[in-house]
C-alpha atoms as a PDB file:
ATOM      1  CA  MET A   1     177.101 167.255 220.835  1.00  0.00           C
ATOM      2  CA  CYS A   2     175.260 170.250 221.314  1.00  0.00           C
ATOM      3  CA  LEU A   3     176.769 173.713 220.441  1.00  0.00           C
ATOM      4  CA  ALA A   4     175.907 177.190 221.954  1.00  0.00           C
ATOM      5  CA  ILE A   5     173.757 178.153 218.781  1.00  0.00           C
ATOM      6  CA  PRO A   6     171.839 182.024 218.229  1.00  0.00           C
ATOM      7  CA  ALA A   7     168.460 182.762 218.802  1.00  0.00           C
ATOM      8  CA  ARG A   8     166.499 185.989 219.375  1.00  0.00           C
ATOM      9  CA  ILE A   9     164.233 186.570 222.518  1.00  0.00           C
ATOM     10  CA  THR A  10     161.114 186.334 221.636  1.00  0.00           C
ATOM     11  CA  GLN A  11     159.225 187.339 224.806  1.00  0.00           C
ATOM     12  CA  ARG A  12     161.327 188.296 227.679  1.00  0.00           C
ATOM     13  CA  GLU A  13     158.988 185.899 230.656  1.00  0.00           C
ATOM     14  CA  GLU A  14     159.214 186.058 234.850  1.00  0.00           C
ATOM     15  CA  GLY A  15     161.384 184.065 236.267  1.00  0.00           C
ATOM     16  CA  GLY A  16     164.445 184.721 235.158  1.00  0.00           C
ATOM     17  CA  LEU A  17     163.161 182.749 231.615  1.00  0.00           C
ATOM     18  CA  ALA A  18     162.744 183.728 228.165  1.00  0.00           C
ATOM     19  CA  THR A  19     160.967 182.423 225.073  1.00  0.00           C
ATOM     20  CA  VAL A  20     163.441 182.107 222.479  1.00  0.00           C
ATOM     21  CA  ASP A  21     163.156 181.668 218.400  1.00  0.00           C
ATOM     22  CA  ILE A  22     166.033 179.219 216.576  1.00  0.00           C
ATOM     23  CA  LEU A  23     165.093 179.456 212.741  1.00  0.00           C
ATOM     24  CA  GLY A  24     161.533 178.820 213.420  1.00  0.00           C
ATOM     25  CA  VAL A  25     162.073 176.589 216.417  1.00  0.00           C
ATOM     26  CA  THR A  26     161.339 178.223 220.022  1.00  0.00           C
ATOM     27  CA  ARG A  27     162.187 177.199 223.706  1.00  0.00           C
ATOM     28  CA  GLU A  28     161.906 178.653 226.822  1.00  0.00           C
ATOM     29  CA  VAL A  29     165.913 179.807 227.929  1.00  0.00           C
ATOM     30  CA  SER A  30     167.329 180.989 230.977  1.00  0.00           C
ATOM     31  CA  LEU A  31     168.112 184.406 230.878  1.00  0.00           C
ATOM     32  CA  ASP A  32     170.276 183.926 234.345  1.00  0.00           C
ATOM     33  CA  LEU A  33     173.347 184.537 232.766  1.00  0.00           C
ATOM     34  CA  THR A  34     172.767 187.552 230.467  1.00  0.00           C
ATOM     35  CA  PRO A  35     169.725 189.019 232.521  1.00  0.00           C
ATOM     36  CA  GLN A  36     170.406 191.884 230.161  1.00  0.00           C
ATOM     37  CA  ALA A  37     169.282 190.778 227.628  1.00  0.00           C
ATOM     38  CA  THR A  38     165.435 191.806 225.674  1.00  0.00           C
ATOM     39  CA  GLU A  39     163.479 191.085 223.792  1.00  0.00           C
ATOM     40  CA  GLY A  40     164.537 191.452 220.509  1.00  0.00           C
ATOM     41  CA  ASP A  41     168.565 190.732 220.970  1.00  0.00           C
ATOM     42  CA  TYR A  42     170.487 187.455 219.726  1.00  0.00           C
ATOM     43  CA  VAL A  43     171.845 185.404 222.410  1.00  0.00           C
ATOM     44  CA  LEU A  44     174.234 181.921 222.332  1.00  0.00           C
ATOM     45  CA  VAL A  45     171.841 179.524 223.602  1.00  0.00           C
ATOM     46  CA  HIS A  46     173.403 176.585 225.259  1.00  0.00           C
ATOM     47  CA  ALA A  47     172.151 173.813 227.555  1.00  0.00           C
ATOM     48  CA  GLY A  48     168.872 176.390 228.363  1.00  0.00           C
ATOM     49  CA  PHE A  49     170.532 178.941 228.518  1.00  0.00           C
ATOM     50  CA  ALA A  50     171.495 182.584 226.580  1.00  0.00           C
ATOM     51  CA  ILE A  51     174.966 182.375 228.013  1.00  0.00           C
ATOM     52  CA  GLU A  52     176.145 185.814 225.775  1.00  0.00           C
ATOM     53  CA  VAL A  53     174.357 188.047 223.947  1.00  0.00           C
ATOM     54  CA  VAL A  54     175.612 188.373 220.274  1.00  0.00           C
ATOM     55  CA  ASP A  55     174.603 190.925 217.611  1.00  0.00           C
ATOM     56  CA  GLU A  56     172.637 190.376 214.517  1.00  0.00           C
ATOM     57  CA  ALA A  57     175.477 189.837 212.455  1.00  0.00           C
ATOM     58  CA  PHE A  58     177.088 187.675 213.820  1.00  0.00           C
ATOM     59  CA  ALA A  59     174.212 185.890 214.736  1.00  0.00           C
ATOM     60  CA  GLU A  60     172.772 185.557 211.982  1.00  0.00           C
ATOM     61  CA  GLU A  61     176.188 184.664 209.324  1.00  0.00           C
ATOM     62  CA  THR A  62     176.472 181.676 211.978  1.00  0.00           C
ATOM     63  CA  LEU A  63     173.002 180.916 211.388  1.00  0.00           C
ATOM     64  CA  ASP A  64     173.634 180.955 207.642  1.00  0.00           C
ATOM     65  CA  ILE A  65     176.170 178.701 208.378  1.00  0.00           C
ATOM     66  CA  ILE A  66     174.304 175.986 210.385  1.00  0.00           C
ATOM     67  CA  ARG A  67     171.996 176.798 207.112  1.00  0.00           C
ATOM     68  CA  GLN A  68     175.069 174.661 205.231  1.00  0.00           C
ATOM     69  CA  PHE A  69     175.201 171.569 207.020  1.00  0.00           C
ATOM     70  CA  PRO A  70     171.277 170.624 207.016  1.00  0.00           C
ATOM     71  CA  GLU A  71     172.360 166.664 208.427  1.00  0.00           C
ATOM     72  CA  LEU A  72     173.040 168.515 211.759  1.00  0.00           C
ATOM     73  CA  ALA A  73     168.851 169.055 211.198  1.00  0.00           C
ATOM     74  CA  GLY A  74     166.167 167.118 211.589  1.00  0.00           C
ATOM     75  CA  ASP A  75     165.736 163.226 211.928  1.00  0.00           C
ATOM     76  CA  ASN A  76     169.475 163.144 209.843  1.00  0.00           C
ATOM     77  CA  ALA A  77     171.198 164.713 212.949  1.00  0.00           C
ATOM     78  CA  PRO A  78     172.905 162.425 215.826  1.00  0.00           C
ATOM     79  CA  VAL A  79     171.871 161.551 218.726  1.00  0.00           C
ATOM     80  CA  ALA A  80     173.556 162.391 221.144  1.00  0.00           C
ATOM     81  CA  ASN A  81     172.045 161.324 225.513  1.00  0.00           C
ATOM     82  CA  ASP A  82     172.251 164.389 226.582  1.00  0.00           C
ATOM     83  CA  SER A  83     169.913 167.309 227.406  1.00  0.00           C
ATOM     84  CA  CYS A  84     171.011 170.802 226.376  1.00  0.00           C
ATOM     85  CA  GLY A  85     167.515 172.087 225.926  1.00  0.00           C
ATOM     86  CA  ILE A  86     168.183 173.059 222.022  1.00  0.00           C
ATOM     87  CA  CYS A  87     170.755 171.409 220.044  1.00  0.00           C
ATOM     88  CA  ALA A  88     171.181 171.160 216.391  1.00  0.00           C
ATOM     89  CA  SER A  89     168.097 168.173 216.060  1.00  0.00           C
ATOM     90  CA  ASP A  90     166.051 170.426 216.943  1.00  0.00           C
ATOM     91  CA  ILE A  91     166.168 172.272 213.993  1.00  0.00           C
ATOM     92  CA  PRO A  92     162.688 170.921 211.127  1.00  0.00           C
ATOM     93  CA  ALA A  93     165.213 170.304 208.157  1.00  0.00           C
ATOM     94  CA  ALA A  94     162.920 172.367 206.191  1.00  0.00           C
ATOM     95  CA  ALA A  95     164.193 175.802 208.184  1.00  0.00           C
ATOM     96  CA  LEU A  96     167.786 175.044 206.813  1.00  0.00           C
END
């Protein structure tokens, strides 16, 4: 199962794309649903799309909750057959 995970935009790209950082993991995501997002903003990422701009406090609080569940990260994570773009299992356990 994939959840929307907070990510910080590290660089805006051409074509409505951005590079984001999620606990040390970088991914390219679409900003089609959040064109107002700028470098440094936190966004919720789901299925390869930034679906909402969120404030830093909310993002950090959510990431702190994710850190409390290391079994969701890395090699210990259950494997789902989907293509969400970024999932909790993509986060290295060491980042938690």
